[in-house]
Amino acid sequence: MSAKPMRTVLVTGAGGPGYPAIYKALHSSTRFSYRIIGAELNPLAGNLYRSDWVDAAYQVPPTLASDYFDCILDVIRREGVTFWYSAVDEELPIIAANAARLAEAGCGMLLPPPEALEASFDKGVTTRMLSGKVPMPRTLLSSEVALEDAWTQLGAPMVVKACRTRGNRHNYRAHSLDELKIQVAALESAGLDFLYQEQVDGEEFNVSLMMDANGNPLFSVARQKIDPPRTRANTFCGIIRRDAVMEGHAVAVAREMKLFPGMNNVEFLRRRGGEPMVIDVNGGRHAAQDFNIIASGVNFPEMLIDMAQGLPVSAPDPSRFREGTMTVKFVDDMAIHIDDLRAFCHGFDLKVEE
């Protein structure tokens, strides 16, 4: 039996909680063998040291550092990387904008245009683009309305959140005007743009979808988040709940914002018995709960690489996405000697007194 051809993939932010699904998917391929190169700001991220997941690791500068992209290019050339996979919101526009430089280094990527990614990472811009196009909670931008006027229009409780942030970071709920003033002061002192939004009490969902280069969906799958939202920075439990309306809205969002080709996920809130409302758009990347997509037999990371290499990719049979398929995350420990860590992680510079 002949050996499977090899693909070398760079994964940045490789220690994040959403990446084990990617490692498992690629290493389960029946078509290719994968060599995974992990790059991380934090050299203590345990994912890097799972030898069954990651083959080589690099500590790299912060995404917005002036030397970040050149450092990544060095890794790509050194390791012979042929595809760059990322789910780090801040760097996706950088990757997309540098597609030509990556191609010169022999490395592919598959992302929407950089301007579409920039728009999706800014909740204020997203609100303007989608207003009147899909159902959304009433939203007011802090740049366009005074605090007291926002309180008068939206009432209690209301949400105030930063425009450019991930997960539940800088996302607050105000039950009084005094509480709102404190939260706004915190956002302003951090130099963050923010918005006011009506509080929608109900069930929380996201829809994971893959779009082809022409803006056609290859799949769109709704998932309910069933762990309490105020106890987590990341979702640890999600269950597939097929919803044609919600899945259709997600496709409409991706088309309106030009978020194709590639993966996206769209966040929703739905009042009981009410219509789903879009509350956030994560353009160009998968969701941390997408292992239930992979467990359904759909290897979407490999599909992205195939698309980037010009290989034909077909829409999976919708029946694969079985209602009720749940993913749960768990935390594990591993032991590694400091000398082994230094030897494995290129660029490791954490100072440990001995």
Protein backbone atom coordinates (compact mmCIF):
# COMPACT_ATOMS: atom_id res chain seq x y z
CA MET A 1 0.00 0.00 0.00
CA SER A 2 1.49 3.37 -1.04
CA ALA A 3 1.99 6.11 1.55
CA LYS A 4 -0.46 8.98 1.61
CA PRO A 5 0.86 12.28 0.21
CA MET A 6 2.00 14.78 2.82
CA ARG A 7 0.64 18.25 3.51
CA THR A 8 2.38 20.64 5.92
CA VAL A 9 0.00 23.05 7.67
CA LEU A 10 0.85 26.03 9.87
CA VAL A 11 -1.66 26.68 12.68
CA THR A 12 -1.35 30.03 14.45
CA GLY A 13 -2.85 30.59 17.88
CA ALA A 14 -2.25 26.87 18.08
CA GLY A 15 -2.81 26.60 21.83
CA GLY A 16 -6.40 27.88 21.69
CA PRO A 17 -9.42 25.82 22.83
CA GLY A 18 -10.88 25.60 19.33
CA TYR A 19 -7.91 23.84 17.74
CA PRO A 20 -8.03 20.24 19.02
CA ALA A 21 -10.91 19.68 16.62
CA ILE A 22 -8.71 20.85 13.74
CA TYR A 23 -5.83 18.57 14.73
CA LYS A 24 -8.15 15.58 15.08
CA ALA A 25 -9.82 16.28 11.75
CA LEU A 26 -6.62 16.58 9.74
CA HIS A 27 -4.96 13.57 11.34
CA SER A 28 -8.08 11.47 10.65
CA SER A 29 -7.81 12.09 6.90
CA THR A 30 -7.91 9.01 4.69
CA ARG A 31 -6.43 10.98 1.76
CA PHE A 32 -3.41 12.82 3.15
CA SER A 33 -0.90 12.70 5.96
CA TYR A 34 -0.54 16.00 7.78
CA ARG A 35 2.46 17.59 9.42
CA ILE A 36 1.22 20.30 11.80
CA ILE A 37 3.40 23.29 12.70
CA GLY A 38 2.03 25.17 15.72
CA ALA A 39 2.81 28.85 16.31
CA GLU A 40 1.88 30.55 19.58
CA LEU A 41 2.50 33.70 21.56
CA ASN A 42 2.17 31.63 24.74
CA PRO A 43 4.77 28.82 24.82
CA LEU A 44 3.00 27.21 27.79
CA ALA A 45 -0.14 26.37 25.81
CA GLY A 46 -0.50 22.64 26.31
CA ASN A 47 -1.81 21.86 22.82
CA LEU A 48 1.69 22.50 21.47
CA TYR A 49 3.14 19.51 23.30
CA ARG A 50 0.69 16.84 22.22
CA SER A 51 2.97 14.93 19.87
CA ASP A 52 -0.04 13.25 18.27
CA TRP A 53 -1.35 16.71 17.32
CA VAL A 54 1.62 19.03 16.69
CA ASP A 55 4.89 18.09 15.02
CA ALA A 56 6.87 21.30 15.63
CA ALA A 57 6.21 24.45 17.66
CA TYR A 58 7.33 28.07 17.53
CA GLN A 59 6.92 30.94 19.93
CA VAL A 60 6.07 34.02 17.86
CA PRO A 61 5.51 37.74 18.53
CA PRO A 62 2.03 39.21 19.13
CA THR A 63 -0.14 39.39 16.01
CA LEU A 64 0.05 43.18 15.75
CA ALA A 65 3.82 43.38 16.34
CA SER A 66 5.76 44.96 13.45
CA ASP A 67 7.85 41.81 12.90
CA TYR A 68 4.99 39.29 13.22
CA PHE A 69 4.38 38.56 9.54
CA ASP A 70 8.06 38.32 8.69
CA CYS A 71 8.53 35.91 11.59
CA ILE A 72 5.69 33.76 10.26
CA LEU A 73 7.18 33.83 6.76
CA ASP A 74 10.44 32.54 8.20
CA VAL A 75 8.58 29.63 9.80
CA ILE A 76 6.74 28.91 6.54
CA ARG A 77 9.97 28.78 4.53
CA ARG A 78 11.87 26.81 7.14
CA GLU A 79 9.17 24.16 7.52
CA GLY A 80 7.94 24.02 3.92
CA VAL A 81 4.40 25.02 4.93
CA THR A 82 1.84 24.77 2.13
CA PHE A 83 -1.26 26.08 3.96
CA TRP A 84 -1.80 28.61 6.78
CA TYR A 85 -4.77 27.91 9.05
CA SER A 86 -5.85 30.47 11.64
CA ALA A 87 -8.86 31.29 13.80
CA VAL A 88 -7.30 34.40 15.36
CA ASP A 89 -9.70 37.23 14.47
CA GLU A 90 -7.10 40.00 14.58
CA GLU A 91 -4.73 38.34 12.11
CA LEU A 92 -7.19 37.08 9.51
CA PRO A 93 -7.24 40.38 7.56
CA ILE A 94 -3.44 40.43 7.67
CA ILE A 95 -3.26 36.94 6.19
CA ALA A 96 -5.80 37.76 3.47
CA ALA A 97 -4.05 41.01 2.56
CA ASN A 98 -0.73 39.17 2.15
CA ALA A 99 -1.94 36.33 -0.05
CA ALA A 100 0.56 37.21 -2.80
CA ARG A 101 3.55 37.16 -0.42
CA LEU A 102 2.38 33.82 0.94
CA ALA A 103 2.03 32.40 -2.56
CA GLU A 104 5.61 33.47 -3.33
CA ALA A 105 6.67 31.40 -0.31
CA GLY A 106 4.67 28.41 -1.59
CA CYS A 107 1.95 28.76 1.06
CA GLY A 108 -1.79 28.90 0.43
CA MET A 109 -4.69 30.20 2.49
CA LEU A 110 -8.46 30.43 2.04
CA LEU A 111 -10.16 33.52 3.41
CA PRO A 112 -12.66 36.21 2.40
CA PRO A 113 -11.28 39.60 1.29
CA PRO A 114 -9.44 41.55 4.01
CA GLU A 115 -11.98 44.39 4.02
CA ALA A 116 -14.81 41.91 4.66
CA LEU A 117 -12.87 40.38 7.54
CA GLU A 118 -12.16 43.81 9.03
CA ALA A 119 -15.85 44.65 8.86
CA SER A 120 -16.92 41.42 10.54
CA PHE A 121 -14.52 41.99 13.44
CA ASP A 122 -16.12 45.37 14.18
CA LYS A 123 -19.59 45.04 15.70
CA GLY A 124 -20.37 48.65 14.87
CA VAL A 125 -19.59 48.22 11.18
CA THR A 126 -21.44 44.89 11.17
CA THR A 127 -24.52 46.56 12.63
CA ARG A 128 -24.53 49.23 9.92
CA MET A 129 -24.09 46.67 7.14
CA LEU A 130 -26.80 44.29 8.35
CA SER A 131 -29.40 46.75 9.63
CA GLY A 132 -32.68 46.04 7.84
CA LYS A 133 -31.21 42.98 6.10
CA VAL A 134 -31.58 40.38 8.89
CA PRO A 135 -33.33 40.49 12.29
CA MET A 136 -31.12 42.10 14.96
CA PRO A 137 -31.69 43.49 18.46
CA ARG A 138 -32.13 47.26 18.62
CA THR A 139 -28.59 48.65 18.64
CA LEU A 140 -27.19 52.15 19.12
CA LEU A 141 -23.57 53.14 18.47
CA SER A 142 -21.85 55.14 21.19
CA SER A 143 -20.43 57.45 18.51
CA GLU A 144 -23.96 58.42 17.48
CA VAL A 145 -25.94 58.66 20.72
CA ALA A 146 -25.38 60.00 24.23
CA LEU A 147 -25.37 57.58 27.15
CA GLU A 148 -28.56 58.98 28.70
CA ASP A 149 -30.38 58.87 25.37
CA ALA A 150 -29.36 55.24 24.88
CA TRP A 151 -30.72 54.43 28.32
CA THR A 152 -34.02 56.19 27.54
CA GLN A 153 -34.43 54.37 24.23
CA LEU A 154 -33.39 50.86 25.29
CA GLY A 155 -34.20 50.73 29.00
CA ALA A 156 -33.20 48.12 31.56
CA PRO A 157 -31.60 45.70 31.38
CA MET A 158 -29.43 46.61 28.41
CA VAL A 159 -26.17 45.36 26.98
CA VAL A 160 -23.11 47.52 26.44
CA LYS A 161 -20.14 45.92 24.68
CA ALA A 162 -16.94 46.78 22.88
CA CYS A 163 -17.07 46.82 19.09
CA ARG A 164 -13.78 45.04 18.48
CA THR A 165 -13.50 42.12 20.85
CA ARG A 166 -13.91 38.35 21.01
CA GLY A 167 -16.22 36.10 23.05
CA ASN A 168 -17.69 37.74 26.15
CA ARG A 169 -14.76 40.08 26.71
CA HIS A 170 -15.85 43.66 27.52
CA ASN A 171 -19.51 42.60 27.33
CA TYR A 172 -21.64 43.97 30.16
CA ARG A 173 -25.27 44.06 31.24
CA ALA A 174 -26.58 47.22 32.91
CA HIS A 175 -29.60 47.13 35.22
CA SER A 176 -29.49 50.79 36.19
CA LEU A 177 -28.27 54.07 34.78
CA ASP A 178 -25.56 54.27 37.44
CA GLU A 179 -24.35 50.79 36.54
CA LEU A 180 -24.30 51.74 32.86
CA LYS A 181 -22.18 54.82 33.62
CA ILE A 182 -19.61 52.68 35.43
CA GLN A 183 -19.42 50.21 32.54
CA VAL A 184 -19.12 52.96 29.93
CA ALA A 185 -16.36 54.62 31.96
CA ALA A 186 -14.45 51.33 31.96
CA LEU A 187 -14.78 50.98 28.19
CA GLU A 188 -13.77 54.58 27.60
CA SER A 189 -10.76 54.33 29.90
CA ALA A 190 -9.63 51.29 27.88
CA GLY A 191 -9.93 53.33 24.68
CA LEU A 192 -12.58 51.02 23.22
CA ASP A 193 -15.36 51.89 20.80
CA PHE A 194 -18.62 50.36 21.99
CA LEU A 195 -22.33 50.02 21.36
CA TYR A 196 -25.57 49.81 23.30
CA GLN A 197 -28.00 46.98 22.60
CA GLU A 198 -31.36 45.83 23.88
CA GLN A 199 -31.16 42.77 26.10
CA VAL A 200 -32.67 39.70 24.44
CA ASP A 201 -33.44 36.98 26.96
CA GLY A 202 -33.59 33.59 25.35
CA GLU A 203 -31.59 30.75 23.88
CA GLU A 204 -28.14 31.30 22.40
CA PHE A 205 -27.11 29.73 19.09
CA ASN A 206 -24.43 29.94 16.48
CA VAL A 207 -24.43 28.79 12.88
CA SER A 208 -21.29 27.40 11.28
CA LEU A 209 -21.21 27.69 7.51
CA MET A 210 -18.81 27.21 4.63
CA MET A 211 -19.09 29.30 1.47
CA ASP A 212 -17.54 28.67 -1.92
CA ALA A 213 -15.79 31.32 -4.02
CA ASN A 214 -19.10 32.35 -5.64
CA GLY A 215 -20.94 32.93 -2.37
CA ASN A 216 -22.83 29.64 -2.41
CA PRO A 217 -23.16 27.72 0.86
CA LEU A 218 -21.62 24.25 1.04
CA PHE A 219 -23.25 23.79 4.43
CA SER A 220 -24.94 25.88 7.10
CA VAL A 221 -25.58 24.18 10.45
CA ALA A 222 -27.20 25.66 13.57
CA ARG A 223 -25.99 24.79 17.05
CA GLN A 224 -27.40 25.68 20.45
CA LYS A 225 -25.01 26.71 23.20
CA ILE A 226 -26.22 24.97 26.31
CA ASP A 227 -23.73 25.97 28.99
CA PRO A 228 -24.61 29.15 30.95
CA PRO A 229 -23.28 32.17 29.00
CA ARG A 230 -22.29 34.21 32.03
CA THR A 231 -19.97 31.50 33.36
CA ARG A 232 -17.69 31.18 30.33
CA ALA A 233 -15.30 33.04 28.08
CA ASN A 234 -15.60 30.22 25.54
CA THR A 235 -18.47 27.84 24.88
CA PHE A 236 -17.79 24.37 26.26
CA CYS A 237 -20.95 22.59 25.16
CA GLY A 238 -22.88 22.86 21.91
CA ILE A 239 -25.59 20.69 20.37
CA ILE A 240 -26.75 20.59 16.75
CA ARG A 241 -30.27 22.03 16.43
CA ARG A 242 -31.22 22.29 12.77
CA ASP A 243 -33.15 25.51 12.06
CA ALA A 244 -33.74 26.44 8.43
CA VAL A 245 -34.59 30.07 9.24
CA MET A 246 -31.47 30.65 11.31
CA GLU A 247 -29.26 28.80 8.82
CA GLY A 248 -30.73 30.90 6.01
CA HIS A 249 -30.08 34.14 7.89
CA ALA A 250 -26.44 33.09 8.37
CA VAL A 251 -26.04 32.58 4.62
CA ALA A 252 -27.64 35.98 4.00
CA VAL A 253 -25.16 37.57 6.41
CA ALA A 254 -22.17 35.97 4.67
CA ARG A 255 -23.41 37.11 1.28
CA GLU A 256 -24.22 40.66 2.40
CA MET A 257 -20.81 41.08 4.03
CA LYS A 258 -18.92 39.32 1.18
CA LEU A 259 -17.58 36.71 3.62
CA PHE A 260 -16.56 34.13 1.05
CA PRO A 261 -14.86 31.84 0.34
CA GLY A 262 -14.25 29.92 3.55
CA MET A 263 -15.68 29.30 7.01
CA ASN A 264 -17.76 31.70 9.08
CA ASN A 265 -19.90 31.49 12.17
CA VAL A 266 -22.82 33.73 13.04
CA GLU A 267 -24.13 34.21 16.58
CA PHE A 268 -27.86 34.36 17.38
CA LEU A 269 -30.21 34.91 20.28
CA ARG A 270 -33.78 33.63 20.09
CA ARG A 271 -36.59 34.48 22.45
CA ARG A 272 -38.78 31.50 23.20
CA GLY A 273 -41.36 31.38 20.45
CA GLY A 274 -39.71 34.32 18.71
CA GLU A 275 -37.50 34.85 15.68
CA PRO A 276 -33.72 34.45 15.89
CA MET A 277 -31.70 37.67 15.99
CA VAL A 278 -28.12 38.10 14.78
CA ILE A 279 -25.86 39.42 17.56
CA ASP A 280 -22.36 38.80 16.20
CA VAL A 281 -20.48 37.67 13.09
CA ASN A 282 -17.15 35.84 13.18
CA GLY A 283 -15.88 36.03 9.64
CA GLY A 284 -13.29 33.73 8.13
CA ARG A 285 -13.04 31.18 10.91
CA HIS A 286 -14.62 28.16 12.53
CA ALA A 287 -16.34 28.11 15.93
CA ALA A 288 -14.81 26.52 19.02
CA GLN A 289 -17.65 23.98 19.09
CA ASP A 290 -17.20 22.75 15.52
CA PHE A 291 -16.08 19.28 16.47
CA ASN A 292 -19.68 18.20 16.06
CA ILE A 293 -19.35 19.17 12.38
CA ILE A 294 -16.26 16.98 12.15
CA ALA A 295 -17.94 14.19 14.13
CA SER A 296 -20.69 14.27 11.51
CA GLY A 297 -18.11 13.08 8.96
CA VAL A 298 -17.40 16.49 7.43
CA ASN A 299 -13.68 17.28 7.48
CA PHE A 300 -14.03 21.01 6.88
CA PRO A 301 -10.33 21.88 7.49
CA GLU A 302 -9.38 19.51 4.68
CA MET A 303 -12.16 20.97 2.52
CA LEU A 304 -10.63 24.44 2.98
CA ILE A 305 -7.19 23.20 1.94
CA ASP A 306 -8.68 21.44 -1.09
CA MET A 307 -10.43 24.65 -2.14
CA ALA A 308 -7.20 26.64 -1.72
CA GLN A 309 -5.39 24.16 -3.97
CA GLY A 310 -8.10 24.29 -6.63
CA LEU A 311 -9.39 20.79 -6.00
CA PRO A 312 -13.13 20.11 -6.39
CA VAL A 313 -15.15 20.29 -3.17
CA SER A 314 -18.75 19.09 -2.93
CA ALA A 315 -21.45 20.05 -0.47
CA PRO A 316 -21.90 17.27 2.11
CA ASP A 317 -25.21 15.44 2.41
CA PRO A 318 -27.28 17.54 4.88
CA SER A 319 -28.42 14.35 6.61
CA ARG A 320 -24.89 13.96 7.98
CA PHE A 321 -25.55 16.79 10.46
CA ARG A 322 -27.58 14.81 12.92
CA GLU A 323 -29.91 16.69 15.24
CA GLY A 324 -28.76 16.32 18.83
CA THR A 325 -25.06 15.69 18.14
CA MET A 326 -23.31 17.34 21.08
CA THR A 327 -19.74 18.35 21.78
CA VAL A 328 -18.35 18.91 25.24
CA LYS A 329 -14.87 20.15 26.13
CA PHE A 330 -12.72 18.85 28.94
CA VAL A 331 -9.54 20.05 30.58
CA ASP A 332 -6.59 17.70 30.90
CA ASP A 333 -3.08 17.87 32.36
CA MET A 334 0.25 16.81 30.95
CA ALA A 335 3.76 16.78 32.36
CA ILE A 336 6.77 17.96 30.38
CA HIS A 337 10.29 18.70 31.54
CA ILE A 338 11.44 22.28 31.04
CA ASP A 339 14.41 21.08 28.98
CA ASP A 340 12.14 19.17 26.63
CA LEU A 341 9.90 22.21 26.30
CA ARG A 342 12.87 24.41 25.39
CA ALA A 343 14.10 21.85 22.89
CA PHE A 344 10.72 21.46 21.18
CA CYS A 345 9.44 25.04 21.06
CA HIS A 346 11.61 27.15 18.75
CA GLY A 347 12.15 30.64 20.11
CA PHE A 348 11.11 29.74 23.66
CA ASP A 349 12.25 32.62 25.85
CA LEU A 350 10.33 32.21 29.11
CA LYS A 351 12.75 32.82 31.97
CA VAL A 352 12.51 30.21 34.70
CA GLU A 353 14.81 30.54 37.69
CA GLU A 354 16.65 27.35 38.53
